[in-house]
Amino acid sequence: MSERANASVIPFKVGDESEEELLSQDPAEQQMVQNPAERLHLAEAVRMAEAIVFASAEPVSEKQLAARLPDGINIALAMAELQQIYARRGVNLVRVGDAWAFRTAGDLAFLMSRDTVQQRKLSRAALEVLAIIAYHQPVTRAEIEDIRGVETSKGTLDTLLETEWVRMRGRRKTPGRPVTYGTTETFLDHFALEEIRDLPGMEELKGAGLLSGRMPSNFSIPQPPADPDALADDEDALTDIDLEELGLLTPRVTED
């Protein structure tokens, strides 16, 4: 008997998914697909998720979706289905970190060129600092200067903070408690990265001509953290007092 003859029968077609795609799902997902009541429940959740993401000016996190969708909904399954629905359309659903957003399909980006606002290019120093922060985060200003071999001006860091590609994320547990820097979801969104570990590796950088083919034998590129929001062991979270000191929070006025 053939392998196809042994396959379970799917009673109805779901969206654009083929029978082979459905059979490749785990048993729990297959059961949900085969249960008409659950299927209708999921389909309504997909419509709701579509409305939420479409109406948001910023990427919507899975935590935000879970708070607004019906209880018990498999968020990952719902978003995967919605992503499949938009896979061949002019607008695609893309993952940005742990959030979701609609973006113009990559092959149609040229249609938007007339409406694109010309952005000021970052200086070479700013690009170097951005690359160091992206790959070495969490990293302090002194550590950035040590890697670059030159002093880094406050203006360079201020420029990156203004772009919202870089953020102050904590303070190192060392004398002076220097501020640590890391990237943001805006950075991931701008560079079309699903997560920070999607940054190009050494071979990719060499292939793009961004690294010399004659690099020192001991040269390596650090692996960014899996969760860029998680504090390192030698890092403290920023407190309100820290934010006031850094000028990021208006000091509270207390009455006598």
Protein backbone atom coordinates (compact mmCIF):
# COMPACT_ATOMS: atom_id res chain seq x y z
CA MET A 1 0.00 0.00 0.00
CA SER A 2 1.39 3.42 -0.94
CA GLU A 3 2.39 6.07 1.61
CA ARG A 4 -0.41 8.32 0.34
CA ALA A 5 -2.97 5.60 0.95
CA ASN A 6 -1.88 5.43 4.59
CA ALA A 7 -2.27 9.18 5.06
CA SER A 8 -5.23 10.40 7.06
CA VAL A 9 -7.99 12.10 5.10
CA ILE A 10 -8.31 15.85 5.54
CA PRO A 11 -12.06 16.57 5.26
CA PHE A 12 -11.68 20.07 3.84
CA LYS A 13 -9.05 22.41 2.43
CA VAL A 14 -7.78 25.25 4.61
CA GLY A 15 -6.75 28.43 2.82
CA ASP A 16 -3.85 27.81 0.44
CA GLU A 17 -2.34 24.96 2.49
CA SER A 18 -1.77 21.69 0.67
CA GLU A 19 -2.54 18.28 2.16
CA GLU A 20 1.19 17.65 2.53
CA GLU A 21 1.62 20.88 4.53
CA LEU A 22 -1.24 19.96 6.82
CA LEU A 23 0.12 16.47 7.38
CA SER A 24 3.48 17.94 8.36
CA GLN A 25 1.93 19.80 11.29
CA ASP A 26 2.15 18.37 14.80
CA PRO A 27 -0.80 16.23 16.03
CA ALA A 28 -2.25 19.02 18.18
CA GLU A 29 -2.39 21.39 15.22
CA GLN A 30 -3.81 18.68 12.97
CA GLN A 31 -6.58 18.04 15.50
CA MET A 32 -7.41 21.75 15.59
CA VAL A 33 -7.56 21.89 11.79
CA GLN A 34 -9.78 18.80 11.61
CA ASN A 35 -12.21 20.05 14.25
CA PRO A 36 -14.70 22.39 12.48
CA ALA A 37 -15.64 24.24 15.68
CA GLU A 38 -12.03 24.85 16.63
CA ARG A 39 -11.27 25.79 13.04
CA LEU A 40 -13.96 28.46 13.05
CA HIS A 41 -12.68 29.72 16.40
CA LEU A 42 -9.15 29.97 15.01
CA ALA A 43 -10.34 31.64 11.79
CA GLU A 44 -12.09 34.36 13.80
CA ALA A 45 -8.94 34.85 15.89
CA VAL A 46 -6.91 35.23 12.68
CA ARG A 47 -9.32 37.96 11.50
CA MET A 48 -9.01 39.72 14.84
CA ALA A 49 -5.21 39.52 14.77
CA GLU A 50 -5.23 40.91 11.24
CA ALA A 51 -7.28 43.91 12.38
CA ILE A 52 -5.05 44.55 15.40
CA VAL A 53 -1.78 44.46 13.45
CA PHE A 54 -3.23 46.45 10.53
CA ALA A 55 -4.44 49.25 12.81
CA SER A 56 -1.18 49.54 14.75
CA ALA A 57 1.49 52.05 13.75
CA GLU A 58 4.11 49.92 15.51
CA PRO A 59 4.85 46.17 15.42
CA VAL A 60 2.48 44.30 17.74
CA SER A 61 4.06 41.89 20.21
CA GLU A 62 2.70 38.39 20.79
CA LYS A 63 2.09 39.41 24.41
CA GLN A 64 -0.17 42.25 23.21
CA LEU A 65 -1.99 39.90 20.85
CA ALA A 66 -2.52 37.33 23.60
CA ALA A 67 -4.05 40.04 25.79
CA ARG A 68 -6.60 41.01 23.11
CA LEU A 69 -7.43 37.71 21.45
CA PRO A 70 -9.81 35.12 22.97
CA ASP A 71 -8.39 32.92 25.72
CA GLY A 72 -6.86 29.65 24.64
CA ILE A 73 -5.86 30.80 21.16
CA ASN A 74 -2.57 29.40 19.86
CA ILE A 75 -0.95 32.73 18.93
CA ALA A 76 1.90 31.13 16.99
CA LEU A 77 -0.52 29.05 14.91
CA ALA A 78 -2.84 31.99 14.25
CA MET A 79 0.01 34.27 13.14
CA ALA A 80 1.56 31.53 11.00
CA GLU A 81 -1.76 31.14 9.18
CA LEU A 82 -2.15 34.91 8.75
CA GLN A 83 1.43 35.08 7.45
CA GLN A 84 0.61 32.35 4.93
CA ILE A 85 -2.48 34.26 3.76
CA TYR A 86 -0.36 37.33 3.00
CA ALA A 87 2.67 35.44 1.65
CA ARG A 88 1.91 36.19 -2.04
CA ARG A 89 0.23 39.55 -1.64
CA GLY A 90 1.59 43.05 -2.13
CA VAL A 91 1.75 43.40 1.64
CA ASN A 92 3.41 40.71 3.75
CA LEU A 93 3.11 39.91 7.44
CA VAL A 94 6.62 39.87 8.89
CA ARG A 95 8.03 39.01 12.29
CA VAL A 96 10.08 41.69 14.04
CA GLY A 97 11.66 40.24 17.18
CA ASP A 98 8.69 38.92 19.13
CA ALA A 99 6.30 41.25 17.33
CA TRP A 100 4.40 41.29 14.01
CA ALA A 101 3.85 44.00 11.39
CA PHE A 102 2.62 44.43 7.83
CA ARG A 103 5.27 45.52 5.33
CA THR A 104 5.34 46.09 1.59
CA ALA A 105 6.50 42.96 -0.25
CA GLY A 106 10.21 43.15 -0.92
CA ASP A 107 9.88 42.82 -4.70
CA LEU A 108 7.48 45.79 -4.78
CA ALA A 109 9.60 48.19 -2.72
CA PHE A 110 10.47 50.14 -5.89
CA LEU A 111 6.86 51.32 -6.11
CA MET A 112 7.31 53.24 -2.87
CA SER A 113 10.53 54.98 -3.93
CA ARG A 114 8.80 58.20 -4.98
CA ASP A 115 7.27 58.60 -1.52
CA THR A 116 10.37 57.67 0.42
CA VAL A 117 11.75 60.41 2.63
CA GLN A 118 15.46 60.85 2.00
CA GLN A 119 17.22 60.00 5.22
CA ARG A 120 20.50 61.56 6.25
CA LYS A 121 23.31 59.03 5.98
CA LEU A 122 25.10 58.01 9.12
CA SER A 123 28.75 58.94 9.42
CA ARG A 124 31.38 56.23 9.22
CA ALA A 125 31.97 56.60 12.96
CA ALA A 126 28.25 56.13 13.68
CA LEU A 127 28.12 53.02 11.46
CA GLU A 128 31.13 51.54 13.25
CA VAL A 129 29.60 52.21 16.66
CA LEU A 130 26.25 50.78 15.53
CA ALA A 131 27.93 47.59 14.29
CA ILE A 132 29.86 47.19 17.55
CA ILE A 133 26.72 47.66 19.63
CA ALA A 134 24.75 45.21 17.46
CA TYR A 135 27.31 42.42 17.71
CA HIS A 136 28.74 43.05 21.21
CA GLN A 137 25.66 44.15 23.18
CA PRO A 138 25.43 44.86 26.02
CA VAL A 139 28.43 47.15 25.61
CA THR A 140 29.62 50.34 27.32
CA ARG A 141 31.10 53.45 25.72
CA ALA A 142 34.56 52.54 27.07
CA GLU A 143 34.27 49.06 25.55
CA ILE A 144 33.21 50.56 22.21
CA GLU A 145 36.27 52.82 22.27
CA ASP A 146 38.51 49.88 23.14
CA ILE A 147 37.22 47.90 20.14
CA ARG A 148 37.44 50.86 17.73
CA GLY A 149 40.77 52.06 19.07
CA VAL A 150 39.62 55.68 19.05
CA GLU A 151 37.52 57.92 21.27
CA THR A 152 33.78 57.91 20.60
CA SER A 153 32.07 61.28 20.81
CA LYS A 154 28.83 61.72 22.75
CA GLY A 155 27.31 63.15 19.58
CA THR A 156 27.78 59.85 17.76
CA LEU A 157 25.91 57.93 20.44
CA ASP A 158 23.24 60.65 20.62
CA THR A 159 22.66 60.30 16.86
CA LEU A 160 22.11 56.56 17.19
CA LEU A 161 19.79 57.07 20.15
CA GLU A 162 17.77 59.60 18.11
CA THR A 163 17.32 57.08 15.28
CA GLU A 164 15.86 54.72 17.92
CA TRP A 165 18.13 51.96 16.63
CA VAL A 166 20.10 52.01 19.89
CA ARG A 167 18.94 52.29 23.50
CA MET A 168 20.41 52.58 26.96
CA ARG A 169 19.62 49.20 28.44
CA GLY A 170 21.33 49.01 31.86
CA ARG A 171 24.41 49.73 33.95
CA ARG A 172 27.50 47.57 34.30
CA LYS A 173 28.23 46.25 37.80
CA THR A 174 31.67 47.84 37.84
CA PRO A 175 33.09 50.99 39.48
CA GLY A 176 31.38 54.05 38.03
CA ARG A 177 28.43 51.90 36.85
CA PRO A 178 28.81 52.82 33.15
CA VAL A 179 25.71 52.70 30.95
CA THR A 180 25.34 49.71 28.64
CA TYR A 181 23.92 50.02 25.13
CA GLY A 182 21.95 47.62 22.94
CA THR A 183 19.79 47.59 19.81
CA THR A 184 16.01 47.99 19.59
CA GLU A 185 13.11 46.41 17.72
CA THR A 186 13.19 49.50 15.47
CA PHE A 187 16.70 48.41 14.46
CA LEU A 188 15.43 44.91 13.62
CA ASP A 189 12.50 46.36 11.69
CA HIS A 190 14.65 48.76 9.65
CA PHE A 191 17.15 46.08 8.64
CA ALA A 192 14.45 43.41 8.08
CA LEU A 193 15.80 41.11 10.79
CA GLU A 194 13.50 38.69 12.59
CA GLU A 195 15.90 38.49 15.53
CA ILE A 196 19.31 39.89 16.41
CA ARG A 197 21.04 36.58 15.64
CA ASP A 198 20.01 36.99 12.00
CA LEU A 199 22.88 39.50 11.65
CA PRO A 200 25.33 38.34 8.95
CA GLY A 201 28.21 36.16 10.07
CA MET A 202 31.85 36.36 9.07
CA GLU A 203 31.52 34.44 5.81
CA GLU A 204 28.53 36.55 4.75
CA LEU A 205 30.41 39.77 5.54
CA LYS A 206 33.41 38.56 3.56
CA GLY A 207 31.17 37.62 0.63
CA ALA A 208 29.64 41.11 0.67
CA GLY A 209 33.11 42.68 0.59
CA LEU A 210 32.72 44.17 4.06
CA LEU A 211 35.62 42.19 5.52
CA SER A 212 39.05 41.57 4.05
CA GLY A 213 39.77 38.04 2.94
CA ARG A 214 43.08 38.26 4.81
CA MET A 215 41.79 38.66 8.34
CA PRO A 216 44.00 37.60 11.29
CA SER A 217 43.63 33.92 12.14
CA ASN A 218 42.34 34.74 15.63
CA PHE A 219 39.72 37.20 14.37
CA SER A 220 36.14 36.32 15.23
CA ILE A 221 32.70 37.90 15.30
CA PRO A 222 30.80 37.55 18.58
CA GLN A 223 27.41 35.88 18.63
CA PRO A 224 24.74 38.38 19.75
CA PRO A 225 22.59 37.26 22.70
CA ALA A 226 19.55 35.13 21.92
CA ASP A 227 17.39 37.49 23.99
CA PRO A 228 18.71 41.06 23.66
CA ASP A 229 16.26 42.26 26.33
CA ALA A 230 17.60 39.93 29.03
CA LEU A 231 20.08 41.56 31.40
CA ALA A 232 23.59 40.08 31.54
CA ASP A 233 24.96 38.71 34.82
CA ASP A 234 27.18 41.80 35.22
CA GLU A 235 24.42 44.26 34.35
CA ASP A 236 21.79 46.08 36.43
CA ALA A 237 18.48 47.39 35.10
CA LEU A 238 18.04 51.16 34.82
CA THR A 239 16.10 52.60 37.75
CA ASP A 240 14.08 55.83 37.88
CA ILE A 241 17.04 57.46 39.63
CA ASP A 242 19.32 56.36 36.77
CA LEU A 243 16.86 57.71 34.20
CA GLU A 244 16.71 61.06 36.02
CA GLU A 245 20.50 61.20 36.17
CA LEU A 246 20.75 60.45 32.44
CA GLY A 247 18.14 63.06 31.59
CA LEU A 248 15.63 60.49 30.38
CA LEU A 249 13.07 61.13 33.09
CA THR A 250 11.81 64.40 34.53
CA PRO A 251 12.79 64.62 38.22
CA ARG A 252 9.85 64.19 40.56
CA VAL A 253 8.92 67.21 42.63
CA THR A 254 8.12 66.39 46.24
CA GLU A 255 6.11 68.63 48.50
CA ASP A 256 7.47 69.53 51.91
